[in-house]
Amino acid sequence: MSDQMIGVVLWADARDRKAVIWCEDHGNLAYYTAPNQTEHEGECLDAGDLIAFEIREEHDCRLARNPRRVNAGFAPYLAHNLSGARRTRPDITRGGNVLPFEKRAG
C-alpha cells in the first residue's frame, strides 16, 4: 500500500531517470527510479521541481512512484541552500551532515 506525498526534487539524473526528493513531512528522503521505458515516456524530473507522488517504505527506504510535476522550477536553489546552511552555521553541524535537534525541557 502506498500513500500520497508532495516533495521537491533535490537531485535528478535525466539520463538514468533517477531522483532524490525532499518530502513534505520532512522525514527521510525518497528515492525515485523510473521503470524501464523509452526516454520519451513518463515524467522527466529536474532539481527544484515540486512534485506529487505515491510513496512507500521498503526495507527502511522511502520509494517514490508515479511522480507528477506540480510546479516546474519551484525551488531551483533548495539543494544548494541546504548544503550552504552547513557551511554558514558550523554551530549546528556537529557530527557530519546531520543537523541535531535541540533538547527538549522536561
N, C-alpha and C. Protein backbone atom coordinates (compact mmCIF):
# COMPACT_ATOMS: atom_id res chain seq x y z
N MET A 1 0.84 -1.18 0.00
CA MET A 1 0.00 0.00 0.00
C MET A 1 0.89 1.24 0.00
N SER A 2 0.48 2.27 -0.73
CA SER A 2 1.27 3.49 -0.80
C SER A 2 0.41 4.69 -0.43
N ASP A 3 1.07 5.73 0.00
CA ASP A 3 0.42 6.97 0.40
C ASP A 3 0.79 8.07 -0.59
N GLN A 4 0.04 9.16 -0.57
CA GLN A 4 0.33 10.32 -1.42
C GLN A 4 1.25 11.28 -0.67
N MET A 5 2.14 11.94 -1.40
CA MET A 5 3.10 12.87 -0.81
C MET A 5 3.39 13.97 -1.82
N ILE A 6 3.80 15.10 -1.30
CA ILE A 6 4.31 16.23 -2.10
C ILE A 6 5.77 16.41 -1.70
N GLY A 7 6.61 16.77 -2.65
CA GLY A 7 8.01 16.98 -2.33
C GLY A 7 8.71 17.80 -3.40
N VAL A 8 9.95 18.16 -3.09
CA VAL A 8 10.79 18.92 -4.02
C VAL A 8 11.97 18.05 -4.42
N VAL A 9 12.23 17.99 -5.70
CA VAL A 9 13.35 17.21 -6.22
C VAL A 9 14.65 17.94 -5.85
N LEU A 10 15.51 17.26 -5.09
CA LEU A 10 16.81 17.84 -4.71
C LEU A 10 17.87 17.55 -5.76
N TRP A 11 17.80 16.38 -6.36
CA TRP A 11 18.79 15.96 -7.35
C TRP A 11 18.09 15.06 -8.35
N ALA A 12 18.44 15.19 -9.62
CA ALA A 12 17.86 14.33 -10.65
C ALA A 12 18.90 14.05 -11.72
N ASP A 13 18.83 12.86 -12.27
CA ASP A 13 19.68 12.46 -13.38
C ASP A 13 18.76 12.05 -14.52
N ALA A 14 18.64 12.90 -15.53
CA ALA A 14 17.71 12.65 -16.63
C ALA A 14 18.10 11.41 -17.44
N ARG A 15 19.39 11.17 -17.60
CA ARG A 15 19.82 10.03 -18.40
C ARG A 15 19.48 8.71 -17.70
N ASP A 16 19.76 8.62 -16.41
CA ASP A 16 19.46 7.39 -15.66
C ASP A 16 18.03 7.37 -15.12
N ARG A 17 17.33 8.52 -15.23
CA ARG A 17 15.95 8.66 -14.79
C ARG A 17 15.79 8.30 -13.32
N LYS A 18 16.62 8.97 -12.50
CA LYS A 18 16.60 8.79 -11.05
C LYS A 18 16.49 10.15 -10.40
N ALA A 19 15.98 10.17 -9.17
CA ALA A 19 15.85 11.43 -8.44
C ALA A 19 15.84 11.17 -6.94
N VAL A 20 16.23 12.20 -6.20
CA VAL A 20 16.15 12.21 -4.74
C VAL A 20 15.21 13.35 -4.37
N ILE A 21 14.26 13.06 -3.47
CA ILE A 21 13.17 14.00 -3.19
C ILE A 21 13.09 14.31 -1.70
N TRP A 22 12.97 15.60 -1.39
CA TRP A 22 12.74 16.06 -0.02
C TRP A 22 11.23 16.09 0.17
N CYS A 23 10.73 15.32 1.12
CA CYS A 23 9.30 15.13 1.31
C CYS A 23 8.68 16.19 2.22
N GLU A 24 7.40 16.47 1.98
CA GLU A 24 6.68 17.49 2.73
C GLU A 24 6.64 17.23 4.23
N ASP A 25 6.74 15.98 4.65
CA ASP A 25 6.69 15.67 6.08
C ASP A 25 8.06 15.80 6.75
N HIS A 26 9.07 16.19 6.00
CA HIS A 26 10.44 16.37 6.48
C HIS A 26 11.02 15.10 7.08
N GLY A 27 10.47 13.96 6.66
CA GLY A 27 11.01 12.67 7.08
C GLY A 27 12.20 12.31 6.20
N ASN A 28 12.47 11.02 6.09
CA ASN A 28 13.58 10.57 5.25
C ASN A 28 13.35 10.98 3.80
N LEU A 29 14.42 11.15 3.08
CA LEU A 29 14.33 11.46 1.66
C LEU A 29 13.71 10.27 0.92
N ALA A 30 13.10 10.55 -0.21
CA ALA A 30 12.53 9.50 -1.05
C ALA A 30 13.39 9.37 -2.30
N TYR A 31 13.47 8.16 -2.81
CA TYR A 31 14.27 7.87 -3.98
C TYR A 31 13.35 7.41 -5.11
N TYR A 32 13.62 7.92 -6.30
CA TYR A 32 12.81 7.57 -7.46
C TYR A 32 13.71 7.01 -8.55
N THR A 33 13.30 5.89 -9.10
CA THR A 33 13.92 5.32 -10.29
C THR A 33 12.78 4.99 -11.23
N ALA A 34 12.84 5.55 -12.44
CA ALA A 34 11.77 5.32 -13.41
C ALA A 34 11.77 3.87 -13.85
N PRO A 35 10.59 3.33 -14.09
CA PRO A 35 10.54 1.97 -14.64
C PRO A 35 11.14 1.96 -16.04
N ASN A 36 11.47 0.79 -16.53
CA ASN A 36 12.05 0.67 -17.87
C ASN A 36 11.07 1.16 -18.92
N GLN A 37 11.39 2.29 -19.52
CA GLN A 37 10.58 2.91 -20.56
C GLN A 37 11.52 3.55 -21.56
N THR A 38 10.97 3.99 -22.67
CA THR A 38 11.79 4.77 -23.58
C THR A 38 12.00 6.14 -22.96
N GLU A 39 12.99 6.86 -23.42
CA GLU A 39 13.28 8.15 -22.81
C GLU A 39 12.20 9.19 -23.04
N HIS A 40 11.26 8.94 -23.95
CA HIS A 40 10.20 9.90 -24.21
C HIS A 40 8.93 9.60 -23.43
N GLU A 41 8.93 8.55 -22.63
CA GLU A 41 7.76 8.22 -21.82
C GLU A 41 7.98 8.68 -20.39
N GLY A 42 6.89 8.94 -19.68
CA GLY A 42 6.96 9.26 -18.27
C GLY A 42 7.42 10.68 -18.01
N GLU A 43 7.49 11.02 -16.75
CA GLU A 43 7.83 12.36 -16.29
C GLU A 43 9.35 12.51 -16.21
N CYS A 44 9.89 13.57 -16.78
CA CYS A 44 11.31 13.88 -16.67
C CYS A 44 11.45 14.92 -15.56
N LEU A 45 12.14 14.58 -14.49
CA LEU A 45 12.23 15.44 -13.32
C LEU A 45 13.53 16.24 -13.34
N ASP A 46 13.45 17.47 -12.81
CA ASP A 46 14.63 18.32 -12.67
C ASP A 46 14.72 18.80 -11.23
N ALA A 47 15.95 19.06 -10.76
CA ALA A 47 16.13 19.60 -9.42
C ALA A 47 15.32 20.89 -9.28
N GLY A 48 14.61 21.00 -8.18
CA GLY A 48 13.79 22.17 -7.91
C GLY A 48 12.32 22.00 -8.26
N ASP A 49 11.97 20.94 -8.97
CA ASP A 49 10.57 20.71 -9.32
C ASP A 49 9.76 20.32 -8.08
N LEU A 50 8.57 20.85 -7.96
CA LEU A 50 7.61 20.43 -6.94
C LEU A 50 6.79 19.31 -7.57
N ILE A 51 6.74 18.15 -6.91
CA ILE A 51 6.04 17.01 -7.48
C ILE A 51 5.09 16.38 -6.46
N ALA A 52 4.07 15.72 -6.98
CA ALA A 52 3.19 14.86 -6.19
C ALA A 52 3.54 13.43 -6.59
N PHE A 53 3.49 12.52 -5.64
CA PHE A 53 3.88 11.15 -5.94
C PHE A 53 3.31 10.20 -4.90
N GLU A 54 3.34 8.93 -5.24
CA GLU A 54 2.99 7.88 -4.30
C GLU A 54 4.28 7.47 -3.59
N ILE A 55 4.16 7.18 -2.31
CA ILE A 55 5.35 6.80 -1.55
C ILE A 55 5.08 5.53 -0.77
N ARG A 56 6.11 4.69 -0.71
CA ARG A 56 6.01 3.51 0.13
C ARG A 56 7.38 3.21 0.72
N GLU A 57 7.38 2.52 1.82
CA GLU A 57 8.62 2.18 2.51
C GLU A 57 8.94 0.72 2.25
N GLU A 58 10.18 0.47 1.88
CA GLU A 58 10.68 -0.89 1.68
C GLU A 58 12.05 -0.99 2.31
N HIS A 59 12.19 -1.87 3.27
CA HIS A 59 13.49 -2.11 3.90
C HIS A 59 14.12 -0.80 4.38
N ASP A 60 13.40 0.01 5.14
CA ASP A 60 13.88 1.27 5.70
C ASP A 60 14.28 2.28 4.63
N CYS A 61 13.68 2.20 3.47
CA CYS A 61 13.96 3.13 2.38
C CYS A 61 12.64 3.63 1.81
N ARG A 62 12.53 4.93 1.61
CA ARG A 62 11.32 5.50 1.02
C ARG A 62 11.47 5.50 -0.50
N LEU A 63 10.46 4.96 -1.17
CA LEU A 63 10.48 4.88 -2.64
C LEU A 63 9.32 5.69 -3.20
N ALA A 64 9.63 6.52 -4.17
CA ALA A 64 8.62 7.34 -4.84
C ALA A 64 8.20 6.64 -6.13
N ARG A 65 6.90 6.71 -6.43
CA ARG A 65 6.36 6.10 -7.63
C ARG A 65 5.38 7.07 -8.28
N ASN A 66 5.24 6.99 -9.58
CA ASN A 66 4.25 7.77 -10.34
C ASN A 66 4.33 9.28 -10.04
N PRO A 67 5.50 9.89 -10.21
CA PRO A 67 5.60 11.33 -9.94
C PRO A 67 4.82 12.15 -10.98
N ARG A 68 4.23 13.22 -10.50
CA ARG A 68 3.51 14.17 -11.37
C ARG A 68 3.99 15.56 -11.01
N ARG A 69 4.54 16.26 -11.99
CA ARG A 69 5.06 17.61 -11.75
C ARG A 69 3.89 18.54 -11.43
N VAL A 70 4.02 19.26 -10.31
CA VAL A 70 3.03 20.24 -9.89
C VAL A 70 3.47 21.64 -10.31
N ASN A 71 4.78 21.90 -10.17
CA ASN A 71 5.32 23.22 -10.48
C ASN A 71 6.80 23.05 -10.88
N ALA A 72 7.11 23.20 -12.15
CA ALA A 72 8.50 23.11 -12.62
C ALA A 72 9.31 24.28 -12.09
N GLY A 73 10.50 23.99 -11.58
CA GLY A 73 11.37 25.05 -11.10
C GLY A 73 10.88 25.75 -9.85
N PHE A 74 10.09 25.08 -9.04
CA PHE A 74 9.51 25.65 -7.82
C PHE A 74 10.58 26.15 -6.85
N ALA A 75 11.63 25.38 -6.64
CA ALA A 75 12.69 25.73 -5.68
C ALA A 75 14.04 25.33 -6.27
N PRO A 76 14.51 26.04 -7.30
CA PRO A 76 15.72 25.60 -8.00
C PRO A 76 17.00 25.63 -7.16
N TYR A 77 17.03 26.41 -6.10
CA TYR A 77 18.26 26.53 -5.30
C TYR A 77 18.15 25.82 -3.96
N LEU A 78 17.12 25.02 -3.76
CA LEU A 78 16.90 24.37 -2.47
C LEU A 78 18.09 23.51 -2.05
N ALA A 79 18.56 22.63 -2.90
CA ALA A 79 19.68 21.76 -2.55
C ALA A 79 20.92 22.58 -2.22
N HIS A 80 21.19 23.60 -3.01
CA HIS A 80 22.34 24.48 -2.74
C HIS A 80 22.18 25.19 -1.40
N ASN A 81 20.99 25.71 -1.14
CA ASN A 81 20.75 26.42 0.12
C ASN A 81 20.86 25.49 1.32
N LEU A 82 20.41 24.26 1.19
CA LEU A 82 20.53 23.31 2.29
C LEU A 82 21.99 22.98 2.57
N SER A 83 22.79 22.78 1.53
CA SER A 83 24.20 22.49 1.76
C SER A 83 24.93 23.73 2.26
N GLY A 84 24.47 24.91 1.86
CA GLY A 84 25.07 26.16 2.34
C GLY A 84 24.82 26.39 3.81
N ALA A 85 23.71 25.90 4.35
CA ALA A 85 23.41 26.07 5.78
C ALA A 85 24.49 25.41 6.62
N ARG A 86 25.03 24.33 6.14
CA ARG A 86 26.08 23.63 6.88
C ARG A 86 27.35 24.48 6.97
N ARG A 87 27.68 25.17 5.87
CA ARG A 87 28.90 25.99 5.87
C ARG A 87 28.72 27.28 6.66
N THR A 88 27.52 27.86 6.63
CA THR A 88 27.33 29.15 7.28
C THR A 88 26.94 29.02 8.74
N ARG A 89 26.53 27.83 9.18
CA ARG A 89 26.13 27.61 10.56
C ARG A 89 26.91 26.44 11.16
N PRO A 90 28.24 26.57 11.33
CA PRO A 90 29.01 25.44 11.85
C PRO A 90 28.58 25.02 13.24
N ASP A 91 27.89 25.90 13.96
CA ASP A 91 27.44 25.55 15.31
C ASP A 91 26.34 24.50 15.30
N ILE A 92 25.67 24.28 14.16
CA ILE A 92 24.59 23.30 14.12
C ILE A 92 24.92 22.08 13.28
N THR A 93 26.16 21.93 12.91
CA THR A 93 26.50 20.80 12.03
C THR A 93 27.47 19.84 12.69
N ARG A 94 27.35 19.64 13.97
CA ARG A 94 28.20 18.67 14.65
C ARG A 94 27.95 17.28 14.09
N GLY A 95 28.99 16.50 13.94
CA GLY A 95 28.82 15.11 13.54
C GLY A 95 28.48 14.88 12.08
N GLY A 96 29.16 15.54 11.18
CA GLY A 96 28.93 15.28 9.77
C GLY A 96 27.83 16.15 9.19
N ASN A 97 26.96 15.55 8.41
CA ASN A 97 25.94 16.33 7.73
C ASN A 97 24.56 16.24 8.38
N VAL A 98 24.50 15.78 9.63
CA VAL A 98 23.24 15.67 10.36
C VAL A 98 23.06 16.89 11.24
N LEU A 99 21.91 17.54 11.12
CA LEU A 99 21.61 18.67 11.97
C LEU A 99 20.90 18.19 13.21
N PRO A 100 21.50 18.38 14.41
CA PRO A 100 20.87 17.86 15.62
C PRO A 100 19.68 18.71 16.05
N PHE A 101 18.70 18.08 16.68
CA PHE A 101 17.58 18.78 17.27
C PHE A 101 17.99 19.29 18.65
N GLU A 102 17.44 20.43 19.03
CA GLU A 102 17.68 20.94 20.37
C GLU A 102 16.99 20.04 21.37
N LYS A 103 17.59 19.86 22.55
CA LYS A 103 16.98 19.02 23.58
C LYS A 103 15.77 19.74 24.16
N ARG A 104 14.73 18.95 24.38
CA ARG A 104 13.51 19.50 24.97
C ARG A 104 13.61 19.52 26.48
N ALA A 105 12.99 20.52 27.06
CA ALA A 105 12.92 20.58 28.52
C ALA A 105 11.85 19.60 28.98
N GLY A 106 12.09 18.92 30.07
CA GLY A 106 11.05 18.04 30.63
C GLY A 106 11.30 16.67 30.48
